[in-house]
């Protein structure tokens, strides 16, 4: 399933708290979530290639998985 990252999530990647988290890290994390996500849900404990731990909020829309935001730890 293709992953779409919202503009809000992309802007957050420029903030200090989300430093060293790349879009490829987000796509990999969102793609790895099994099943269908009918409403926006927070998924915790992903690790970026840089070692930074982060959470994502994702939701499935027709034909795509939408990443609403990214929360760095």
PDB file of N, CA and C in Angstrom:
ATOM      1  N   UNK A   1       0.851  -1.184   0.000  1.00  0.00           N
ATOM      2  CA  UNK A   1       0.000   0.000   0.000  1.00  0.00           C
ATOM      3  C   UNK A   1       0.894   1.244   0.000  1.00  0.00           C
ATOM      4  N   UNK A   2       0.662   2.186  -0.916  1.00  0.00           N
ATOM      5  CA  UNK A   2       1.469   3.410  -0.948  1.00  0.00           C
ATOM      6  C   UNK A   2       1.269   4.244   0.322  1.00  0.00           C
ATOM      7  N   UNK A   3       2.332   4.913   0.735  1.00  0.00           N
ATOM      8  CA  UNK A   3       2.293   5.753   1.935  1.00  0.00           C
ATOM      9  C   UNK A   3       2.352   7.216   1.518  1.00  0.00           C
ATOM     10  N   UNK A   4       1.446   8.029   2.070  1.00  0.00           N
ATOM     11  CA  UNK A   4       1.415   9.472   1.820  1.00  0.00           C
ATOM     12  C   UNK A   4       1.754  10.168   3.128  1.00  0.00           C
ATOM     13  N   UNK A   5       2.702  11.105   3.085  1.00  0.00           N
ATOM     14  CA  UNK A   5       3.099  11.857   4.274  1.00  0.00           C
ATOM     15  C   UNK A   5       2.531  13.264   4.145  1.00  0.00           C
ATOM     16  N   UNK A   6       1.745  13.693   5.133  1.00  0.00           N
ATOM     17  CA  UNK A   6       1.127  15.013   5.071  1.00  0.00           C
ATOM     18  C   UNK A   6       2.181  16.115   5.138  1.00  0.00           C
ATOM     19  N   UNK A   7       1.799  17.284   4.681  1.00  0.00           N
ATOM     20  CA  UNK A   7       2.695  18.440   4.735  1.00  0.00           C
ATOM     21  C   UNK A   7       3.048  18.769   6.186  1.00  0.00           C
ATOM     22  N   UNK A   8       2.096  18.584   7.093  1.00  0.00           N
ATOM     23  CA  UNK A   8       2.346  18.825   8.516  1.00  0.00           C
ATOM     24  C   UNK A   8       3.476  17.928   9.021  1.00  0.00           C
ATOM     25  N   UNK A   9       3.416  16.650   8.671  1.00  0.00           N
ATOM     26  CA  UNK A   9       4.450  15.711   9.112  1.00  0.00           C
ATOM     27  C   UNK A   9       5.804  16.077   8.504  1.00  0.00           C
ATOM     28  N   UNK A  10       5.821  16.487   7.243  1.00  0.00           N
ATOM     29  CA  UNK A  10       7.076  16.887   6.593  1.00  0.00           C
ATOM     30  C   UNK A  10       7.695  18.110   7.274  1.00  0.00           C
ATOM     31  N   UNK A  11       6.848  19.070   7.664  1.00  0.00           N
ATOM     32  CA  UNK A  11       7.353  20.262   8.352  1.00  0.00           C
ATOM     33  C   UNK A  11       7.938  19.896   9.714  1.00  0.00           C
ATOM     34  N   UNK A  12       7.318  18.939  10.393  1.00  0.00           N
ATOM     35  CA  UNK A  12       7.811  18.538  11.710  1.00  0.00           C
ATOM     36  C   UNK A  12       9.197  17.913  11.632  1.00  0.00           C
ATOM     37  N   UNK A  13       9.546  17.318  10.503  1.00  0.00           N
ATOM     38  CA  UNK A  13      10.868  16.707  10.350  1.00  0.00           C
ATOM     39  C   UNK A  13      11.983  17.738  10.452  1.00  0.00           C
ATOM     40  N   UNK A  14      11.663  19.021  10.251  1.00  0.00           N
ATOM     41  CA  UNK A  14      12.659  20.091  10.352  1.00  0.00           C
ATOM     42  C   UNK A  14      12.850  20.580  11.778  1.00  0.00           C
ATOM     43  N   UNK A  15      12.010  20.132  12.705  1.00  0.00           N
ATOM     44  CA  UNK A  15      12.116  20.558  14.098  1.00  0.00           C
ATOM     45  C   UNK A  15      13.160  19.723  14.829  1.00  0.00           C
ATOM     46  N   UNK A  16      13.719  20.288  15.880  1.00  0.00           N
ATOM     47  CA  UNK A  16      14.796  19.655  16.651  1.00  0.00           C
ATOM     48  C   UNK A  16      14.398  18.268  17.181  1.00  0.00           C
ATOM     49  N   UNK A  17      13.173  18.140  17.650  1.00  0.00           N
ATOM     50  CA  UNK A  17      12.732  16.885  18.258  1.00  0.00           C
ATOM     51  C   UNK A  17      12.674  15.733  17.246  1.00  0.00           C
ATOM     52  N   UNK A  18      12.472  16.052  15.975  1.00  0.00           N
ATOM     53  CA  UNK A  18      12.397  15.030  14.928  1.00  0.00           C
ATOM     54  C   UNK A  18      13.688  14.954  14.114  1.00  0.00           C
ATOM     55  N   UNK A  19      14.748  15.550  14.635  1.00  0.00           N
ATOM     56  CA  UNK A  19      16.032  15.578  13.946  1.00  0.00           C
ATOM     57  C   UNK A  19      16.513  14.154  13.644  1.00  0.00           C
ATOM     58  N   UNK A  20      17.077  13.954  12.467  1.00  0.00           N
ATOM     59  CA  UNK A  20      17.635  12.672  12.017  1.00  0.00           C
ATOM     60  C   UNK A  20      16.598  11.597  11.726  1.00  0.00           C
ATOM     61  N   UNK A  21      15.343  11.982  11.516  1.00  0.00           N
ATOM     62  CA  UNK A  21      14.317  11.054  11.050  1.00  0.00           C
ATOM     63  C   UNK A  21      14.058  11.414   9.590  1.00  0.00           C
ATOM     64  N   UNK A  22      14.206  10.463   8.692  1.00  0.00           N
ATOM     65  CA  UNK A  22      14.037  10.742   7.269  1.00  0.00           C
ATOM     66  C   UNK A  22      12.675  10.262   6.772  1.00  0.00           C
ATOM     67  N   UNK A  23      12.298  10.740   5.595  1.00  0.00           N
ATOM     68  CA  UNK A  23      11.034  10.299   5.007  1.00  0.00           C
ATOM     69  C   UNK A  23      11.073   8.795   4.718  1.00  0.00           C
ATOM     70  N   UNK A  24      12.240   8.274   4.375  1.00  0.00           N
ATOM     71  CA  UNK A  24      12.325   6.827   4.134  1.00  0.00           C
ATOM     72  C   UNK A  24      12.093   6.046   5.433  1.00  0.00           C
ATOM     73  N   UNK A  25      12.522   6.586   6.576  1.00  0.00           N
ATOM     74  CA  UNK A  25      12.242   5.953   7.875  1.00  0.00           C
ATOM     75  C   UNK A  25      10.732   5.905   8.125  1.00  0.00           C
ATOM     76  N   UNK A  26      10.052   6.988   7.797  1.00  0.00           N
ATOM     77  CA  UNK A  26       8.602   7.073   8.017  1.00  0.00           C
ATOM     78  C   UNK A  26       7.864   6.102   7.098  1.00  0.00           C
ATOM     79  N   UNK A  27       8.263   6.070   5.834  1.00  0.00           N
ATOM     80  CA  UNK A  27       7.617   5.173   4.872  1.00  0.00           C
ATOM     81  C   UNK A  27       7.809   3.720   5.287  1.00  0.00           C
ATOM     82  N   UNK A  28       9.014   3.388   5.708  1.00  0.00           N
ATOM     83  CA  UNK A  28       9.300   2.017   6.153  1.00  0.00           C
ATOM     84  C   UNK A  28       8.455   1.652   7.372  1.00  0.00           C
ATOM     85  N   UNK A  29       8.349   2.577   8.326  1.00  0.00           N
ATOM     86  CA  UNK A  29       7.563   2.323   9.537  1.00  0.00           C
ATOM     87  C   UNK A  29       6.087   2.151   9.204  1.00  0.00           C
ATOM     88  N   UNK A  30       5.536   3.055   8.404  1.00  0.00           N
ATOM     89  CA  UNK A  30       4.114   2.996   8.062  1.00  0.00           C
ATOM     90  C   UNK A  30       3.788   1.759   7.234  1.00  0.00           C
ATOM     91  N   UNK A  31       4.691   1.368   6.361  1.00  0.00           N
ATOM     92  CA  UNK A  31       4.471   0.181   5.533  1.00  0.00           C
ATOM     93  C   UNK A  31       4.488  -1.095   6.354  1.00  0.00           C
ATOM     94  N   UNK A  32       5.191  -1.075   7.465  1.00  0.00           N
ATOM     95  CA  UNK A  32       5.315  -2.258   8.296  1.00  0.00           C
ATOM     96  C   UNK A  32       4.155  -2.502   9.241  1.00  0.00           C
ATOM     97  N   UNK A  33       3.213  -1.578   9.295  1.00  0.00           N
ATOM     98  CA  UNK A  33       2.052  -1.751  10.180  1.00  0.00           C
ATOM     99  C   UNK A  33       1.054  -2.664   9.479  1.00  0.00           C
ATOM    100  N   UNK A  34       0.725  -3.805  10.074  1.00  0.00           N
ATOM    101  CA  UNK A  34      -0.206  -4.737   9.424  1.00  0.00           C
ATOM    102  C   UNK A  34      -1.660  -4.317   9.601  1.00  0.00           C
ATOM    103  N   UNK A  35      -2.505  -4.820   8.733  1.00  0.00           N
ATOM    104  CA  UNK A  35      -3.943  -4.621   8.871  1.00  0.00           C
ATOM    105  C   UNK A  35      -4.429  -3.296   8.338  1.00  0.00           C
ATOM    106  N   UNK A  36      -5.686  -2.996   8.664  1.00  0.00           N
ATOM    107  CA  UNK A  36      -6.375  -1.782   8.221  1.00  0.00           C
ATOM    108  C   UNK A  36      -6.501  -0.827   9.397  1.00  0.00           C
ATOM    109  N   UNK A  37      -6.236   0.466   9.170  1.00  0.00           N
ATOM    110  CA  UNK A  37      -6.313   1.478  10.221  1.00  0.00           C
ATOM    111  C   UNK A  37      -7.474   2.411   9.877  1.00  0.00           C
ATOM    112  N   UNK A  38      -8.661   2.186  10.428  1.00  0.00           N
ATOM    113  CA  UNK A  38      -9.838   2.972  10.038  1.00  0.00           C
ATOM    114  C   UNK A  38      -9.849   4.411  10.552  1.00  0.00           C
ATOM    115  N   UNK A  39      -9.210   4.670  11.700  1.00  0.00           N
ATOM    116  CA  UNK A  39      -9.160   6.036  12.231  1.00  0.00           C
ATOM    117  C   UNK A  39      -7.735   6.338  12.666  1.00  0.00           C
ATOM    118  N   UNK A  40      -7.415   7.617  12.755  1.00  0.00           N
ATOM    119  CA  UNK A  40      -6.056   8.036  13.102  1.00  0.00           C
ATOM    120  C   UNK A  40      -5.630   7.399  14.423  1.00  0.00           C
ATOM    121  N   UNK A  41      -4.516   6.688  14.376  1.00  0.00           N
ATOM    122  CA  UNK A  41      -4.028   5.925  15.526  1.00  0.00           C
ATOM    123  C   UNK A  41      -2.535   6.163  15.686  1.00  0.00           C
ATOM    124  N   UNK A  42      -2.098   6.292  16.929  1.00  0.00           N
ATOM    125  CA  UNK A  42      -0.682   6.488  17.219  1.00  0.00           C
ATOM    126  C   UNK A  42       0.005   5.132  17.373  1.00  0.00           C
ATOM    127  N   UNK A  43       1.105   4.963  16.648  1.00  0.00           N
ATOM    128  CA  UNK A  43       1.922   3.758  16.736  1.00  0.00           C
ATOM    129  C   UNK A  43       3.277   4.160  17.292  1.00  0.00           C
ATOM    130  N   UNK A  44       3.723   3.461  18.311  1.00  0.00           N
ATOM    131  CA  UNK A  44       4.907   3.866  19.064  1.00  0.00           C
ATOM    132  C   UNK A  44       6.106   2.952  18.838  1.00  0.00           C
ATOM    133  N   UNK A  45       7.288   3.538  19.067  1.00  0.00           N
ATOM    134  CA  UNK A  45       8.498   2.759  19.180  1.00  0.00           C
ATOM    135  C   UNK A  45       9.237   2.399  17.910  1.00  0.00           C
ATOM    136  N   UNK A  46       9.093   3.179  16.853  1.00  0.00           N
ATOM    137  CA  UNK A  46       9.872   2.932  15.646  1.00  0.00           C
ATOM    138  C   UNK A  46      11.268   3.522  15.830  1.00  0.00           C
ATOM    139  N   UNK A  47      12.249   2.949  15.156  1.00  0.00           N
ATOM    140  CA  UNK A  47      13.621   3.430  15.265  1.00  0.00           C
ATOM    141  C   UNK A  47      14.123   3.808  13.873  1.00  0.00           C
ATOM    142  N   UNK A  48      14.575   5.059  13.740  1.00  0.00           N
ATOM    143  CA  UNK A  48      15.121   5.540  12.471  1.00  0.00           C
ATOM    144  C   UNK A  48      16.503   4.927  12.255  1.00  0.00           C
ATOM    145  N   UNK A  49      16.995   4.986  11.033  1.00  0.00           N
ATOM    146  CA  UNK A  49      18.341   4.474  10.734  1.00  0.00           C
ATOM    147  C   UNK A  49      19.406   5.184  11.568  1.00  0.00           C
ATOM    148  N   UNK A  50      19.126   6.415  11.981  1.00  0.00           N
ATOM    149  CA  UNK A  50      20.055   7.188  12.803  1.00  0.00           C
ATOM    150  C   UNK A  50      20.037   6.754  14.265  1.00  0.00           C
ATOM    151  N   UNK A  51      19.051   5.931  14.641  1.00  0.00           N
ATOM    152  CA  UNK A  51      18.920   5.496  16.029  1.00  0.00           C
ATOM    153  C   UNK A  51      17.869   6.259  16.806  1.00  0.00           C
ATOM    154  N   UNK A  52      17.327   7.321  16.220  1.00  0.00           N
ATOM    155  CA  UNK A  52      16.298   8.124  16.892  1.00  0.00           C
ATOM    156  C   UNK A  52      14.989   7.347  16.954  1.00  0.00           C
ATOM    157  N   UNK A  53      14.376   7.295  18.135  1.00  0.00           N
ATOM    158  CA  UNK A  53      13.089   6.617  18.327  1.00  0.00           C
ATOM    159  C   UNK A  53      11.985   7.619  18.020  1.00  0.00           C
ATOM    160  N   UNK A  54      10.928   7.137  17.334  1.00  0.00           N
ATOM    161  CA  UNK A  54       9.828   8.038  16.993  1.00  0.00           C
ATOM    162  C   UNK A  54       8.511   7.280  16.941  1.00  0.00           C
ATOM    163  N   UNK A  55       7.417   8.046  17.020  1.00  0.00           N
ATOM    164  CA  UNK A  55       6.060   7.529  16.885  1.00  0.00           C
ATOM    165  C   UNK A  55       5.463   8.145  15.631  1.00  0.00           C
ATOM    166  N   UNK A  56       4.477   7.474  15.054  1.00  0.00           N
ATOM    167  CA  UNK A  56       3.734   8.070  13.949  1.00  0.00           C
ATOM    168  C   UNK A  56       2.244   7.956  14.243  1.00  0.00           C
ATOM    169  N   UNK A  57       1.480   8.874  13.666  1.00  0.00           N
ATOM    170  CA  UNK A  57       0.029   8.803  13.688  1.00  0.00           C
ATOM    171  C   UNK A  57      -0.380   8.543  12.249  1.00  0.00           C
ATOM    172  N   UNK A  58      -1.077   7.442  12.025  1.00  0.00           N
ATOM    173  CA  UNK A  58      -1.435   7.037  10.669  1.00  0.00           C
ATOM    174  C   UNK A  58      -2.898   6.652  10.582  1.00  0.00           C
ATOM    175  N   UNK A  59      -3.393   6.670   9.341  1.00  0.00           N
ATOM    176  CA  UNK A  59      -4.783   6.322   9.049  1.00  0.00           C
ATOM    177  C   UNK A  59      -4.828   5.819   7.616  1.00  0.00           C
ATOM    178  N   UNK A  60      -5.672   4.841   7.336  1.00  0.00           N
ATOM    179  CA  UNK A  60      -5.842   4.373   5.969  1.00  0.00           C
ATOM    180  C   UNK A  60      -6.955   5.153   5.287  1.00  0.00           C
ATOM    181  N   UNK A  61      -6.657   5.608   4.080  1.00  0.00           N
ATOM    182  CA  UNK A  61      -7.648   6.246   3.215  1.00  0.00           C
ATOM    183  C   UNK A  61      -7.726   5.360   1.977  1.00  0.00           C
ATOM    184  N   UNK A  62      -8.738   5.505   1.150  1.00  0.00           N
ATOM    185  CA  UNK A  62      -8.874   4.593   0.008  1.00  0.00           C
ATOM    186  C   UNK A  62      -7.586   4.472  -0.824  1.00  0.00           C
ATOM    187  N   UNK A  63      -7.024   3.272  -0.815  1.00  0.00           N
ATOM    188  CA  UNK A  63      -5.851   2.977  -1.616  1.00  0.00           C
ATOM    189  C   UNK A  63      -4.517   3.451  -1.078  1.00  0.00           C
ATOM    190  N   UNK A  64      -4.497   4.094   0.097  1.00  0.00           N
ATOM    191  CA  UNK A  64      -3.252   4.659   0.632  1.00  0.00           C
ATOM    192  C   UNK A  64      -3.237   4.615   2.150  1.00  0.00           C
ATOM    193  N   UNK A  65      -2.034   4.734   2.704  1.00  0.00           N
ATOM    194  CA  UNK A  65      -1.859   4.894   4.143  1.00  0.00           C
ATOM    195  C   UNK A  65      -1.346   6.303   4.363  1.00  0.00           C
ATOM    196  N   UNK A  66      -2.073   7.101   5.119  1.00  0.00           N
ATOM    197  CA  UNK A  66      -1.755   8.497   5.371  1.00  0.00           C
ATOM    198  C   UNK A  66      -1.033   8.631   6.702  1.00  0.00           C
ATOM    199  N   UNK A  67       0.159   9.238   6.690  1.00  0.00           N
ATOM    200  CA  UNK A  67       0.891   9.533   7.920  1.00  0.00           C
ATOM    201  C   UNK A  67       0.555  10.972   8.281  1.00  0.00           C
ATOM    202  N   UNK A  68      -0.161  11.151   9.381  1.00  0.00           N
ATOM    203  CA  UNK A  68      -0.655  12.460   9.792  1.00  0.00           C
ATOM    204  C   UNK A  68       0.440  13.283  10.459  1.00  0.00           C
ATOM    205  N   UNK A  69       1.198  12.663  11.365  1.00  0.00           N
ATOM    206  CA  UNK A  69       2.283  13.389  12.042  1.00  0.00           C
ATOM    207  C   UNK A  69       3.345  12.415  12.535  1.00  0.00           C
ATOM    208  N   UNK A  70       4.472  12.994  12.918  1.00  0.00           N
ATOM    209  CA  UNK A  70       5.617  12.247  13.428  1.00  0.00           C
ATOM    210  C   UNK A  70       6.002  12.863  14.772  1.00  0.00           C
ATOM    211  N   UNK A  71       6.262  12.028  15.766  1.00  0.00           N
ATOM    212  CA  UNK A  71       6.646  12.518  17.094  1.00  0.00           C
ATOM    213  C   UNK A  71       7.972  11.897  17.473  1.00  0.00           C
ATOM    214  N   UNK A  72       9.016  12.700  17.523  1.00  0.00           N
ATOM    215  CA  UNK A  72      10.338  12.211  17.924  1.00  0.00           C
ATOM    216  C   UNK A  72      10.451  12.105  19.426  1.00  0.00           C
ATOM    217  N   UNK A  73      11.317  11.219  19.880  1.00  0.00           N
ATOM    218  CA  UNK A  73      11.529  11.024  21.333  1.00  0.00           C
ATOM    219  C   UNK A  73      12.870  11.585  21.726  1.00  0.00           C
TER     220      UNK A  73
END
